[in-house]
Amino acid sequence: MSIDQEIDQLESEDDLFEHYNFVVDKGQQLMRIDLYLLLKISNTSRSRIQTGILAGSVRVNGSLIKSNYKVKPLDSITVSFAQPPRDAEVLAEDIALDIIYEDKDILLVNKSPGMVVHPAHGNWNGTLVNGLLYHCQQLPGSTVIRPGLVHRIDKDTSGLLVVAKSEFALSHLAKQFYDHTIERTYYAILWGVPKELKGTLRGNITRSPKDRKIMTILPEGSVDGKLAITHYEVIETFGFCSLVKFNLETGRTHQIRAHAQSMGHPLISDASYGGDKIRFMSTMSNFKQFVDNMFKTCPRQALHAYSLGFEHPTSHEWLQFTSPYPEDFNLLLEKLRNLIKI
């Protein structure tokens, strides 16, 4: 895979949404907003616009409206739809999936480490999406490479993903992610122990100029990149590393991994961000051997999407799901806890 192809896969969750901002012309005659947006947005349909309006993805002057709202001169209109269809053929494949919840609108899947979420250059088969298409038969936007998706996690990150099974659910969930009202908790094992045991990491994130396959946190005050906000809390310490809980306020590419590195505490086994090398020393005997064993136990970044909370698209009930640590993450924790007892 070329670097450019790998860059194509480095997309934040905002890239799963289609954003527009319009200010209605002074001379605009009264017109239904669904018709107005049909004229302003290419490659869409009136039914898709109406579904988005119903799901709360369209606001006028900051307020929700109905499809029969008449736009007026100088109205300010914001739109945040799920991405439009793109021509691509994604084949359904009989792949075992760990589905922990499902109804007519959504499903929750517990993704195993090593599974790619959606097809892209170099990974057209064997992805989570290929398995979802086989399981569901039909997903909103089935002609695109990311049908039903409103967020994603890295290939080597384990844990929870919510998938939309209808156009309305897709729009409703996309709006929640765009508004940052989704609750997401991750657990990670980091090199070292952050000086402040609890805090908020804030900064603009962009692709690294030195390595375009990874992300970097820019100095405070930078106008480049996109704002990334991560809340963290140290849960358990093991001398030269720690178990840390992260809550995402924004959903940027590699956000936790880049923020952890920016603190000087990259994730254990995260080769892209320097976590595959010894970062903090210990006085214990055979320390290097123990670290090598750690890397073999959990040979991918030690990051798990533990919980997910959101409003159900149709019942409006608040749903909260959790996923236990996968085997490799759990074994690594056991080794570290047993080490402390010695």
C-alpha atoms as a PDB file:
ATOM      1  CA  MET A   1       0.000   0.000   0.000  1.00  0.00           C
ATOM      2  CA  SER A   2       1.392   3.428  -0.900  1.00  0.00           C
ATOM      3  CA  ILE A   3       1.663   6.267   1.608  1.00  0.00           C
ATOM      4  CA  ASP A   4      -1.026   8.182  -0.300  1.00  0.00           C
ATOM      5  CA  GLN A   5      -3.358   5.186  -0.048  1.00  0.00           C
ATOM      6  CA  GLU A   6      -2.719   4.921   3.689  1.00  0.00           C
ATOM      7  CA  ILE A   7      -3.400   8.644   4.049  1.00  0.00           C
ATOM      8  CA  ASP A   8      -6.765   8.084   2.347  1.00  0.00           C
ATOM      9  CA  GLN A   9      -7.725   5.907   5.321  1.00  0.00           C
ATOM     10  CA  LEU A  10      -6.729   8.518   7.920  1.00  0.00           C
ATOM     11  CA  GLU A  11     -10.101  10.171   8.229  1.00  0.00           C
ATOM     12  CA  SER A  12     -11.682  11.634  11.338  1.00  0.00           C
ATOM     13  CA  GLU A  13     -15.278  10.927  12.265  1.00  0.00           C
ATOM     14  CA  ASP A  14     -16.154  14.373  10.944  1.00  0.00           C
ATOM     15  CA  ASP A  15     -15.294  12.991   7.502  1.00  0.00           C
ATOM     16  CA  LEU A  16     -18.266  10.643   7.856  1.00  0.00           C
ATOM     17  CA  PHE A  17     -20.546  13.684   7.781  1.00  0.00           C
ATOM     18  CA  GLU A  18     -21.472  16.150   5.058  1.00  0.00           C
ATOM     19  CA  HIS A  19     -21.432  19.721   6.365  1.00  0.00           C
ATOM     20  CA  TYR A  20     -23.015  22.801   4.804  1.00  0.00           C
ATOM     21  CA  ASN A  21     -23.632  26.373   5.916  1.00  0.00           C
ATOM     22  CA  PHE A  22     -25.884  28.624   3.868  1.00  0.00           C
ATOM     23  CA  VAL A  23     -27.039  32.216   4.294  1.00  0.00           C
ATOM     24  CA  VAL A  24     -30.148  32.865   2.223  1.00  0.00           C
ATOM     25  CA  ASP A  25     -29.828  35.689  -0.316  1.00  0.00           C
ATOM     26  CA  LYS A  26     -31.556  39.000   0.398  1.00  0.00           C
ATOM     27  CA  GLY A  27     -33.715  38.613  -2.695  1.00  0.00           C
ATOM     28  CA  GLN A  28     -34.774  35.008  -2.057  1.00  0.00           C
ATOM     29  CA  GLN A  29     -38.515  34.381  -2.350  1.00  0.00           C
ATOM     30  CA  LEU A  30     -40.261  32.204   0.232  1.00  0.00           C
ATOM     31  CA  MET A  31     -39.541  28.536  -0.531  1.00  0.00           C
ATOM     32  CA  ARG A  32     -39.889  25.251   1.345  1.00  0.00           C
ATOM     33  CA  ILE A  33     -36.569  24.382   2.919  1.00  0.00           C
ATOM     34  CA  ASP A  34     -36.478  20.851   1.461  1.00  0.00           C
ATOM     35  CA  LEU A  35     -36.801  22.305  -2.038  1.00  0.00           C
ATOM     36  CA  TYR A  36     -34.274  25.036  -1.266  1.00  0.00           C
ATOM     37  CA  LEU A  37     -31.688  22.514  -0.066  1.00  0.00           C
ATOM     38  CA  LEU A  38     -32.385  20.267  -3.050  1.00  0.00           C
ATOM     39  CA  LEU A  39     -31.240  23.157  -5.247  1.00  0.00           C
ATOM     40  CA  LYS A  40     -28.222  23.951  -3.089  1.00  0.00           C
ATOM     41  CA  ILE A  41     -26.830  20.458  -2.424  1.00  0.00           C
ATOM     42  CA  SER A  42     -25.689  18.297  -5.319  1.00  0.00           C
ATOM     43  CA  ASN A  43     -25.961  14.494  -5.495  1.00  0.00           C
ATOM     44  CA  THR A  44     -28.831  14.255  -3.044  1.00  0.00           C
ATOM     45  CA  SER A  45     -32.583  13.628  -3.058  1.00  0.00           C
ATOM     46  CA  ARG A  46     -35.616  15.312  -1.560  1.00  0.00           C
ATOM     47  CA  SER A  47     -36.413  12.232   0.553  1.00  0.00           C
ATOM     48  CA  ARG A  48     -32.865  12.218   1.977  1.00  0.00           C
ATOM     49  CA  ILE A  49     -33.194  15.898   2.865  1.00  0.00           C
ATOM     50  CA  GLN A  50     -36.576  15.320   4.503  1.00  0.00           C
ATOM     51  CA  THR A  51     -35.172  12.384   6.500  1.00  0.00           C
ATOM     52  CA  GLY A  52     -32.297  14.580   7.650  1.00  0.00           C
ATOM     53  CA  ILE A  53     -34.673  17.359   8.699  1.00  0.00           C
ATOM     54  CA  LEU A  54     -36.783  14.873  10.665  1.00  0.00           C
ATOM     55  CA  ALA A  55     -33.645  13.547  12.378  1.00  0.00           C
ATOM     56  CA  GLY A  56     -32.562  17.041  13.435  1.00  0.00           C
ATOM     57  CA  SER A  57     -29.672  17.370  10.979  1.00  0.00           C
ATOM     58  CA  VAL A  58     -30.896  20.721   9.650  1.00  0.00           C
ATOM     59  CA  ARG A  59     -31.194  23.932  11.668  1.00  0.00           C
ATOM     60  CA  VAL A  60     -32.305  27.417  10.695  1.00  0.00           C
ATOM     61  CA  ASN A  61     -30.957  30.271  12.813  1.00  0.00           C
ATOM     62  CA  GLY A  62     -29.938  27.630  15.357  1.00  0.00           C
ATOM     63  CA  SER A  63     -33.406  26.065  15.682  1.00  0.00           C
ATOM     64  CA  LEU A  64     -34.884  22.788  14.478  1.00  0.00           C
ATOM     65  CA  ILE A  65     -37.492  23.102  11.720  1.00  0.00           C
ATOM     66  CA  LYS A  66     -39.919  20.974   9.699  1.00  0.00           C
ATOM     67  CA  SER A  67     -39.766  20.155   5.985  1.00  0.00           C
ATOM     68  CA  ASN A  68     -42.495  22.696   5.200  1.00  0.00           C
ATOM     69  CA  TYR A  69     -40.563  25.575   6.759  1.00  0.00           C
ATOM     70  CA  LYS A  70     -40.292  28.483   4.311  1.00  0.00           C
ATOM     71  CA  VAL A  71     -36.817  29.950   4.033  1.00  0.00           C
ATOM     72  CA  LYS A  72     -36.620  33.726   4.292  1.00  0.00           C
ATOM     73  CA  PRO A  73     -33.948  36.213   3.224  1.00  0.00           C
ATOM     74  CA  LEU A  74     -30.821  36.112   5.445  1.00  0.00           C
ATOM     75  CA  ASP A  75     -31.818  32.848   7.168  1.00  0.00           C
ATOM     76  CA  SER A  76     -28.714  31.004   8.398  1.00  0.00           C
ATOM     77  CA  ILE A  77     -28.963  27.281   7.580  1.00  0.00           C
ATOM     78  CA  THR A  78     -26.639  24.553   8.899  1.00  0.00           C
ATOM     79  CA  VAL A  79     -26.681  20.980   7.608  1.00  0.00           C
ATOM     80  CA  SER A  80     -24.856  17.880   8.926  1.00  0.00           C
ATOM     81  CA  PHE A  81     -25.906  14.846   6.888  1.00  0.00           C
ATOM     82  CA  ALA A  82     -24.248  11.454   6.773  1.00  0.00           C
ATOM     83  CA  GLN A  83     -21.922  11.292   3.759  1.00  0.00           C
ATOM     84  CA  PRO A  84     -23.584  10.921   0.334  1.00  0.00           C
ATOM     85  CA  PRO A  85     -23.379   7.643  -1.612  1.00  0.00           C
ATOM     86  CA  ARG A  86     -20.230   6.889  -3.566  1.00  0.00           C
ATOM     87  CA  ASP A  87     -19.982   4.378  -6.352  1.00  0.00           C
ATOM     88  CA  ALA A  88     -18.246   1.280  -5.036  1.00  0.00           C
ATOM     89  CA  GLU A  89     -19.106  -2.373  -4.792  1.00  0.00           C
ATOM     90  CA  VAL A  90     -18.838  -3.902  -1.347  1.00  0.00           C
ATOM     91  CA  LEU A  91     -19.519  -7.622  -1.171  1.00  0.00           C
ATOM     92  CA  ALA A  92     -21.339  -9.337   1.671  1.00  0.00           C
ATOM     93  CA  GLU A  93     -19.199 -11.968   3.412  1.00  0.00           C
ATOM     94  CA  ASP A  94     -20.073 -14.568   6.019  1.00  0.00           C
ATOM     95  CA  ILE A  95     -17.804 -13.274   8.797  1.00  0.00           C
ATOM     96  CA  ALA A  96     -18.357 -14.056  12.474  1.00  0.00           C
ATOM     97  CA  LEU A  97     -19.357 -10.875  14.330  1.00  0.00           C
ATOM     98  CA  ASP A  98     -19.780 -10.316  18.061  1.00  0.00           C
ATOM     99  CA  ILE A  99     -23.134  -8.502  18.050  1.00  0.00           C
ATOM    100  CA  ILE A 100     -24.175  -7.550  21.585  1.00  0.00           C
ATOM    101  CA  TYR A 101     -27.425  -5.712  20.761  1.00  0.00           C
ATOM    102  CA  GLU A 102     -29.706  -5.379  17.761  1.00  0.00           C
ATOM    103  CA  ASP A 103     -33.156  -4.030  16.905  1.00  0.00           C
ATOM    104  CA  LYS A 104     -34.803  -2.755  13.718  1.00  0.00           C
ATOM    105  CA  ASP A 105     -32.886   0.551  13.839  1.00  0.00           C
ATOM    106  CA  ILE A 106     -29.387  -0.159  15.169  1.00  0.00           C
ATOM    107  CA  LEU A 107     -26.926  -2.811  16.174  1.00  0.00           C
ATOM    108  CA  LEU A 108     -23.913  -2.779  18.502  1.00  0.00           C
ATOM    109  CA  VAL A 109     -20.887  -4.827  17.555  1.00  0.00           C
ATOM    110  CA  ASN A 110     -17.861  -5.641  19.691  1.00  0.00           C
ATOM    111  CA  LYS A 111     -14.985  -5.409  17.196  1.00  0.00           C
ATOM    112  CA  SER A 112     -12.023  -7.684  17.706  1.00  0.00           C
ATOM    113  CA  PRO A 113      -8.478  -6.301  17.375  1.00  0.00           C
ATOM    114  CA  GLY A 114      -7.029  -6.735  13.901  1.00  0.00           C
ATOM    115  CA  MET A 115     -10.330  -6.315  12.052  1.00  0.00           C
ATOM    116  CA  VAL A 116     -10.534  -3.426   9.584  1.00  0.00           C
ATOM    117  CA  VAL A 117     -13.819  -1.514   9.930  1.00  0.00           C
ATOM    118  CA  HIS A 118     -14.578  -0.695   6.298  1.00  0.00           C
ATOM    119  CA  PRO A 119     -13.116  -1.459   2.846  1.00  0.00           C
ATOM    120  CA  ALA A 120     -10.360   0.818   1.597  1.00  0.00           C
ATOM    121  CA  HIS A 121      -7.202   0.560  -0.480  1.00  0.00           C
ATOM    122  CA  GLY A 122      -5.502  -2.717   0.373  1.00  0.00           C
ATOM    123  CA  ASN A 123      -8.449  -4.022   2.434  1.00  0.00           C
ATOM    124  CA  TRP A 124     -11.428  -4.609   0.156  1.00  0.00           C
ATOM    125  CA  ASN A 125     -12.469  -7.886   1.795  1.00  0.00           C
ATOM    126  CA  GLY A 126     -12.772  -9.332   5.272  1.00  0.00           C
ATOM    127  CA  THR A 127     -13.810  -6.084   6.919  1.00  0.00           C
ATOM    128  CA  LEU A 128     -16.488  -5.451   9.509  1.00  0.00           C
ATOM    129  CA  VAL A 129     -18.676  -3.842   6.836  1.00  0.00           C
ATOM    130  CA  ASN A 130     -18.448  -6.951   4.626  1.00  0.00           C
ATOM    131  CA  GLY A 131     -19.709  -9.007   7.558  1.00  0.00           C
ATOM    132  CA  LEU A 132     -22.435  -6.506   8.416  1.00  0.00           C
ATOM    133  CA  LEU A 133     -23.821  -6.599   4.867  1.00  0.00           C
ATOM    134  CA  TYR A 134     -24.087 -10.395   5.091  1.00  0.00           C
ATOM    135  CA  HIS A 135     -25.768 -10.240   8.503  1.00  0.00           C
ATOM    136  CA  CYS A 136     -28.183  -7.397   7.770  1.00  0.00           C
ATOM    137  CA  GLN A 137     -28.829  -8.030   4.052  1.00  0.00           C
ATOM    138  CA  GLN A 138     -29.420  -4.299   3.651  1.00  0.00           C
ATOM    139  CA  LEU A 139     -27.872  -1.218   5.241  1.00  0.00           C
ATOM    140  CA  PRO A 140     -28.457   2.489   4.542  1.00  0.00           C
ATOM    141  CA  GLY A 141     -26.148   3.574   1.771  1.00  0.00           C
ATOM    142  CA  SER A 142     -25.341   0.009   0.679  1.00  0.00           C
ATOM    143  CA  THR A 143     -23.712   1.352  -2.493  1.00  0.00           C
ATOM    144  CA  VAL A 144     -21.001   3.111  -0.448  1.00  0.00           C
ATOM    145  CA  ILE A 145     -17.903   1.634   1.163  1.00  0.00           C
ATOM    146  CA  ARG A 146     -19.131   2.580   4.661  1.00  0.00           C
ATOM    147  CA  PRO A 147     -22.836   1.632   4.791  1.00  0.00           C
ATOM    148  CA  GLY A 148     -24.429   2.185   8.187  1.00  0.00           C
ATOM    149  CA  LEU A 149     -21.305   3.680   9.773  1.00  0.00           C
ATOM    150  CA  VAL A 150     -21.361   6.885  11.803  1.00  0.00           C
ATOM    151  CA  HIS A 151     -18.016   6.342  13.546  1.00  0.00           C
ATOM    152  CA  ARG A 152     -15.097   3.919  13.473  1.00  0.00           C
ATOM    153  CA  ILE A 153     -12.128   2.684  15.434  1.00  0.00           C
ATOM    154  CA  ASP A 154      -8.651   1.728  14.242  1.00  0.00           C
ATOM    155  CA  LYS A 155      -7.900  -1.745  12.926  1.00  0.00           C
ATOM    156  CA  ASP A 156      -5.881  -2.697  16.014  1.00  0.00           C
ATOM    157  CA  THR A 157      -8.222  -1.058  18.530  1.00  0.00           C
ATOM    158  CA  SER A 158     -10.865  -3.342  20.028  1.00  0.00           C
ATOM    159  CA  GLY A 159     -14.338  -2.545  21.301  1.00  0.00           C
ATOM    160  CA  LEU A 160     -17.738  -1.072  20.603  1.00  0.00           C
ATOM    161  CA  LEU A 161     -19.207   0.360  17.419  1.00  0.00           C
ATOM    162  CA  VAL A 162     -22.830   1.364  16.786  1.00  0.00           C
ATOM    163  CA  VAL A 163     -24.205   0.753  13.289  1.00  0.00           C
ATOM    164  CA  ALA A 164     -27.337   2.305  11.758  1.00  0.00           C
ATOM    165  CA  LYS A 165     -29.788  -0.029   9.994  1.00  0.00           C
ATOM    166  CA  SER A 166     -32.058   2.650   8.509  1.00  0.00           C
ATOM    167  CA  GLU A 167     -31.622   6.011   6.811  1.00  0.00           C
ATOM    168  CA  PHE A 168     -33.362   7.753   9.699  1.00  0.00           C
ATOM    169  CA  ALA A 169     -31.142   6.066  12.295  1.00  0.00           C
ATOM    170  CA  LEU A 170     -28.071   6.973  10.232  1.00  0.00           C
ATOM    171  CA  SER A 171     -29.060  10.655  10.162  1.00  0.00           C
ATOM    172  CA  HIS A 172     -30.043  10.720  13.842  1.00  0.00           C
ATOM    173  CA  LEU A 173     -26.838   9.065  15.054  1.00  0.00           C
ATOM    174  CA  ALA A 174     -24.701  11.176  12.713  1.00  0.00           C
ATOM    175  CA  LYS A 175     -26.210  14.285  14.282  1.00  0.00           C
ATOM    176  CA  GLN A 176     -25.372  13.035  17.789  1.00  0.00           C
ATOM    177  CA  PHE A 177     -21.767  12.371  16.831  1.00  0.00           C
ATOM    178  CA  TYR A 178     -21.506  15.743  15.119  1.00  0.00           C
ATOM    179  CA  ASP A 179     -22.909  17.467  18.220  1.00  0.00           C
ATOM    180  CA  HIS A 180     -20.531  15.448  20.463  1.00  0.00           C
ATOM    181  CA  THR A 181     -23.410  14.196  22.635  1.00  0.00           C
ATOM    182  CA  ILE A 182     -22.321  10.551  22.342  1.00  0.00           C
ATOM    183  CA  GLU A 183     -20.576   9.237  25.466  1.00  0.00           C
ATOM    184  CA  ARG A 184     -17.464   7.179  24.683  1.00  0.00           C
ATOM    185  CA  THR A 185     -15.040   5.657  27.170  1.00  0.00           C
ATOM    186  CA  TYR A 186     -11.779   3.964  26.232  1.00  0.00           C
ATOM    187  CA  TYR A 187      -9.193   2.212  28.370  1.00  0.00           C
ATOM    188  CA  ALA A 188      -5.515   2.183  27.444  1.00  0.00           C
ATOM    189  CA  ILE A 189      -2.273   0.980  28.958  1.00  0.00           C
ATOM    190  CA  LEU A 190       0.379   3.703  28.717  1.00  0.00           C
ATOM    191  CA  TRP A 191       4.091   3.906  29.205  1.00  0.00           C
ATOM    192  CA  GLY A 192       4.769   5.697  32.487  1.00  0.00           C
ATOM    193  CA  VAL A 193       2.320   7.552  34.711  1.00  0.00           C
ATOM    194  CA  PRO A 194       1.068  11.030  33.736  1.00  0.00           C
ATOM    195  CA  LYS A 195       2.136  13.711  36.226  1.00  0.00           C
ATOM    196  CA  GLU A 196      -1.442  14.921  36.589  1.00  0.00           C
ATOM    197  CA  LEU A 197      -3.589  11.892  37.395  1.00  0.00           C
ATOM    198  CA  LYS A 198      -6.701  13.493  35.920  1.00  0.00           C
ATOM    199  CA  GLY A 199      -7.160  16.194  33.331  1.00  0.00           C
ATOM    200  CA  THR A 200      -8.197  17.353  29.861  1.00  0.00           C
ATOM    201  CA  LEU A 201      -5.998  17.298  26.784  1.00  0.00           C
ATOM    202  CA  ARG A 202      -6.877  19.986  24.276  1.00  0.00           C
ATOM    203  CA  GLY A 203      -5.158  20.956  21.036  1.00  0.00           C
ATOM    204  CA  ASN A 204      -5.428  21.026  17.279  1.00  0.00           C
ATOM    205  CA  ILE A 205      -4.557  17.762  15.565  1.00  0.00           C
ATOM    206  CA  THR A 206      -3.271  17.253  12.040  1.00  0.00           C
ATOM    207  CA  ARG A 207      -1.148  14.859  10.003  1.00  0.00           C
ATOM    208  CA  SER A 208       2.491  14.872  11.000  1.00  0.00           C
ATOM    209  CA  PRO A 209       4.709  16.687   8.483  1.00  0.00           C
ATOM    210  CA  LYS A 210       7.451  14.141   9.261  1.00  0.00           C
ATOM    211  CA  ASP A 211       5.275  11.041   8.806  1.00  0.00           C
ATOM    212  CA  ARG A 212       1.995  11.503   6.949  1.00  0.00           C
ATOM    213  CA  LYS A 213       0.692   8.166   8.242  1.00  0.00           C
ATOM    214  CA  ILE A 214       0.342   9.461  11.798  1.00  0.00           C
ATOM    215  CA  MET A 215      -1.165  12.476  13.532  1.00  0.00           C
ATOM    216  CA  THR A 216       0.434  15.140  15.700  1.00  0.00           C
ATOM    217  CA  ILE A 217      -0.856  17.612  18.292  1.00  0.00           C
ATOM    218  CA  LEU A 218       0.044  21.178  17.321  1.00  0.00           C
ATOM    219  CA  PRO A 219       1.353  23.812  19.746  1.00  0.00           C
ATOM    220  CA  GLU A 220      -1.275  25.806  21.660  1.00  0.00           C
ATOM    221  CA  GLY A 221      -2.618  28.702  19.607  1.00  0.00           C
ATOM    222  CA  SER A 222      -2.142  27.011  16.250  1.00  0.00           C
ATOM    223  CA  VAL A 223      -4.833  27.768  13.672  1.00  0.00           C
ATOM    224  CA  ASP A 224      -4.108  24.652  11.595  1.00  0.00           C
ATOM    225  CA  GLY A 225      -5.696  21.236  12.058  1.00  0.00           C
ATOM    226  CA  LYS A 226      -8.903  20.369  13.929  1.00  0.00           C
ATOM    227  CA  LEU A 227      -9.599  20.813  17.629  1.00  0.00           C
ATOM    228  CA  ALA A 228      -9.278  17.563  19.600  1.00  0.00           C
ATOM    229  CA  ILE A 229     -10.479  17.318  23.213  1.00  0.00           C
ATOM    230  CA  THR A 230      -9.776  14.255  25.356  1.00  0.00           C
ATOM    231  CA  HIS A 231     -10.524  13.798  29.059  1.00  0.00           C
ATOM    232  CA  TYR A 232      -8.393  11.281  30.959  1.00  0.00           C
ATOM    233  CA  GLU A 233      -8.032   9.719  34.390  1.00  0.00           C
ATOM    234  CA  VAL A 234      -5.336   7.365  35.683  1.00  0.00           C
ATOM    235  CA  ILE A 235      -7.093   4.287  37.094  1.00  0.00           C
ATOM    236  CA  GLU A 236      -4.199   2.034  38.105  1.00  0.00           C
ATOM    237  CA  THR A 237      -0.416   2.372  38.181  1.00  0.00           C
ATOM    238  CA  PHE A 238       2.303  -0.255  37.751  1.00  0.00           C
ATOM    239  CA  GLY A 239       5.481   1.752  38.213  1.00  0.00           C
ATOM    240  CA  PHE A 240       6.680   2.078  34.639  1.00  0.00           C
ATOM    241  CA  CYS A 241       3.199   2.073  33.049  1.00  0.00           C
ATOM    242  CA  SER A 242      -0.443   2.782  33.903  1.00  0.00           C
ATOM    243  CA  LEU A 243      -4.046   1.956  33.073  1.00  0.00           C
ATOM    244  CA  VAL A 244      -5.803   5.139  31.938  1.00  0.00           C
ATOM    245  CA  LYS A 245      -9.452   5.888  31.166  1.00  0.00           C
ATOM    246  CA  PHE A 246     -10.139   8.249  28.265  1.00  0.00           C
ATOM    247  CA  ASN A 247     -13.401  10.008  27.384  1.00  0.00           C
ATOM    248  CA  LEU A 248     -13.658  11.518  23.934  1.00  0.00           C
ATOM    249  CA  GLU A 249     -15.307  14.879  23.443  1.00  0.00           C
ATOM    250  CA  THR A 250     -14.300  15.007  19.774  1.00  0.00           C
ATOM    251  CA  GLY A 251     -13.645  12.152  17.353  1.00  0.00           C
ATOM    252  CA  ARG A 252     -10.438  12.778  15.422  1.00  0.00           C
ATOM    253  CA  THR A 253      -8.178  10.271  13.721  1.00  0.00           C
ATOM    254  CA  HIS A 254      -5.817   8.591  16.244  1.00  0.00           C
ATOM    255  CA  GLN A 255      -6.959  11.150  18.831  1.00  0.00           C
ATOM    256  CA  ILE A 256      -6.159   9.148  21.970  1.00  0.00           C
ATOM    257  CA  ARG A 257      -2.938   7.745  20.525  1.00  0.00           C
ATOM    258  CA  ALA A 258      -1.665  11.196  19.484  1.00  0.00           C
ATOM    259  CA  HIS A 259      -2.723  12.852  22.748  1.00  0.00           C
ATOM    260  CA  ALA A 260      -1.028  10.119  24.792  1.00  0.00           C
ATOM    261  CA  GLN A 261       2.176  10.598  22.835  1.00  0.00           C
ATOM    262  CA  SER A 262       1.948  14.364  23.304  1.00  0.00           C
ATOM    263  CA  MET A 263       2.008  13.783  27.090  1.00  0.00           C
ATOM    264  CA  GLY A 264       5.153  11.691  26.694  1.00  0.00           C
ATOM    265  CA  HIS A 265       3.216   8.520  27.535  1.00  0.00           C
ATOM    266  CA  PRO A 266       2.482   6.577  24.326  1.00  0.00           C
ATOM    267  CA  LEU A 267       0.329   3.454  24.392  1.00  0.00           C
ATOM    268  CA  ILE A 268       2.070   0.139  25.034  1.00  0.00           C
ATOM    269  CA  SER A 269       2.882  -1.631  21.720  1.00  0.00           C
ATOM    270  CA  ASP A 270       1.773   1.357  19.605  1.00  0.00           C
ATOM    271  CA  ALA A 271       4.499   1.158  16.954  1.00  0.00           C
ATOM    272  CA  SER A 272       3.259   4.221  15.046  1.00  0.00           C
ATOM    273  CA  TYR A 273       3.654   6.478  18.100  1.00  0.00           C
ATOM    274  CA  GLY A 274       6.790   5.044  19.689  1.00  0.00           C
ATOM    275  CA  GLY A 275       5.103   2.679  22.132  1.00  0.00           C
ATOM    276  CA  ASP A 276       6.913  -0.420  20.826  1.00  0.00           C
ATOM    277  CA  LYS A 277      10.157   0.576  22.552  1.00  0.00           C
ATOM    278  CA  ILE A 278      11.116   0.867  26.219  1.00  0.00           C
ATOM    279  CA  ARG A 279      10.117   4.389  27.289  1.00  0.00           C
ATOM    280  CA  PHE A 280      10.485   4.216  31.082  1.00  0.00           C
ATOM    281  CA  MET A 281      13.072   2.224  33.005  1.00  0.00           C
ATOM    282  CA  SER A 282      12.668  -0.033  36.005  1.00  0.00           C
ATOM    283  CA  THR A 283      15.045  -1.429  38.605  1.00  0.00           C
ATOM    284  CA  MET A 284      13.521  -4.893  38.313  1.00  0.00           C
ATOM    285  CA  SER A 285      15.776  -7.693  37.119  1.00  0.00           C
ATOM    286  CA  ASN A 286      15.146  -9.039  33.612  1.00  0.00           C
ATOM    287  CA  PHE A 287      13.203  -5.859  32.799  1.00  0.00           C
ATOM    288  CA  LYS A 288      13.862  -6.045  29.056  1.00  0.00           C
ATOM    289  CA  GLN A 289      12.713  -9.659  28.976  1.00  0.00           C
ATOM    290  CA  PHE A 290       9.515  -8.700  30.799  1.00  0.00           C
ATOM    291  CA  VAL A 291       8.841  -5.869  28.311  1.00  0.00           C
ATOM    292  CA  ASP A 292       9.437  -8.177  25.341  1.00  0.00           C
ATOM    293  CA  ASN A 293       6.903 -10.533  26.878  1.00  0.00           C
ATOM    294  CA  MET A 294       4.462  -7.618  27.259  1.00  0.00           C
ATOM    295  CA  PHE A 295       4.764  -6.847  23.551  1.00  0.00           C
ATOM    296  CA  LYS A 296       4.127 -10.506  22.667  1.00  0.00           C
ATOM    297  CA  THR A 297       1.117 -10.668  24.988  1.00  0.00           C
ATOM    298  CA  CYS A 298      -0.483  -7.570  23.426  1.00  0.00           C
ATOM    299  CA  PRO A 299       1.169  -7.063  20.018  1.00  0.00           C
ATOM    300  CA  ARG A 300      -1.059  -4.102  19.063  1.00  0.00           C
ATOM    301  CA  GLN A 301      -1.740  -0.725  20.664  1.00  0.00           C
ATOM    302  CA  ALA A 302      -3.246  -1.424  24.085  1.00  0.00           C
ATOM    303  CA  LEU A 303      -6.480   0.474  23.475  1.00  0.00           C
ATOM    304  CA  HIS A 304     -10.056  -0.714  24.002  1.00  0.00           C
ATOM    305  CA  ALA A 305     -13.357   1.079  23.271  1.00  0.00           C
ATOM    306  CA  TYR A 306     -15.016   0.073  26.530  1.00  0.00           C
ATOM    307  CA  SER A 307     -18.375   1.873  26.641  1.00  0.00           C
ATOM    308  CA  LEU A 308     -20.769   3.713  24.363  1.00  0.00           C
ATOM    309  CA  GLY A 309     -23.826   5.759  25.340  1.00  0.00           C
ATOM    310  CA  PHE A 310     -26.312   7.507  23.058  1.00  0.00           C
ATOM    311  CA  GLU A 311     -29.979   8.325  22.472  1.00  0.00           C
ATOM    312  CA  HIS A 312     -31.894   5.665  20.556  1.00  0.00           C
ATOM    313  CA  PRO A 313     -33.000   7.175  17.211  1.00  0.00           C
ATOM    314  CA  THR A 314     -36.676   6.228  17.499  1.00  0.00           C
ATOM    315  CA  SER A 315     -37.453   5.455  21.170  1.00  0.00           C
ATOM    316  CA  HIS A 316     -35.247   8.373  22.373  1.00  0.00           C
ATOM    317  CA  GLU A 317     -34.236   6.173  25.310  1.00  0.00           C
ATOM    318  CA  TRP A 318     -30.668   6.657  26.545  1.00  0.00           C
ATOM    319  CA  LEU A 319     -28.745   3.450  25.866  1.00  0.00           C
ATOM    320  CA  GLN A 320     -25.448   2.528  27.518  1.00  0.00           C
ATOM    321  CA  PHE A 321     -23.319  -0.452  26.523  1.00  0.00           C
ATOM    322  CA  THR A 322     -20.032  -1.849  27.795  1.00  0.00           C
ATOM    323  CA  SER A 323     -17.543  -4.343  26.408  1.00  0.00           C
ATOM    324  CA  PRO A 324     -15.188  -6.389  28.616  1.00  0.00           C
ATOM    325  CA  TYR A 325     -11.466  -6.207  27.934  1.00  0.00           C
ATOM    326  CA  PRO A 326     -10.367  -8.586  25.154  1.00  0.00           C
ATOM    327  CA  GLU A 327      -8.059 -11.461  26.036  1.00  0.00           C
ATOM    328  CA  ASP A 328      -4.750  -9.823  25.061  1.00  0.00           C
ATOM    329  CA  PHE A 329      -5.536  -6.609  26.982  1.00  0.00           C
ATOM    330  CA  ASN A 330      -6.682  -8.572  30.019  1.00  0.00           C
ATOM    331  CA  LEU A 331      -3.601 -10.826  30.022  1.00  0.00           C
ATOM    332  CA  LEU A 332      -1.338  -7.778  29.873  1.00  0.00           C
ATOM    333  CA  LEU A 333      -3.097  -6.263  32.873  1.00  0.00           C
ATOM    334  CA  GLU A 334      -2.753  -9.538  34.798  1.00  0.00           C
ATOM    335  CA  LYS A 335       0.994  -9.643  34.129  1.00  0.00           C
ATOM    336  CA  LEU A 336       1.382  -6.067  35.364  1.00  0.00           C
ATOM    337  CA  ARG A 337      -0.730  -6.656  38.479  1.00  0.00           C
ATOM    338  CA  ASN A 338       1.181  -9.827  39.312  1.00  0.00           C
ATOM    339  CA  LEU A 339       4.441  -7.919  38.869  1.00  0.00           C
ATOM    340  CA  ILE A 340       3.364  -5.382  41.483  1.00  0.00           C
ATOM    341  CA  LYS A 341       2.716  -8.227  43.968  1.00  0.00           C
ATOM    342  CA  ILE A 342       6.227  -9.594  43.648  1.00  0.00           C
END
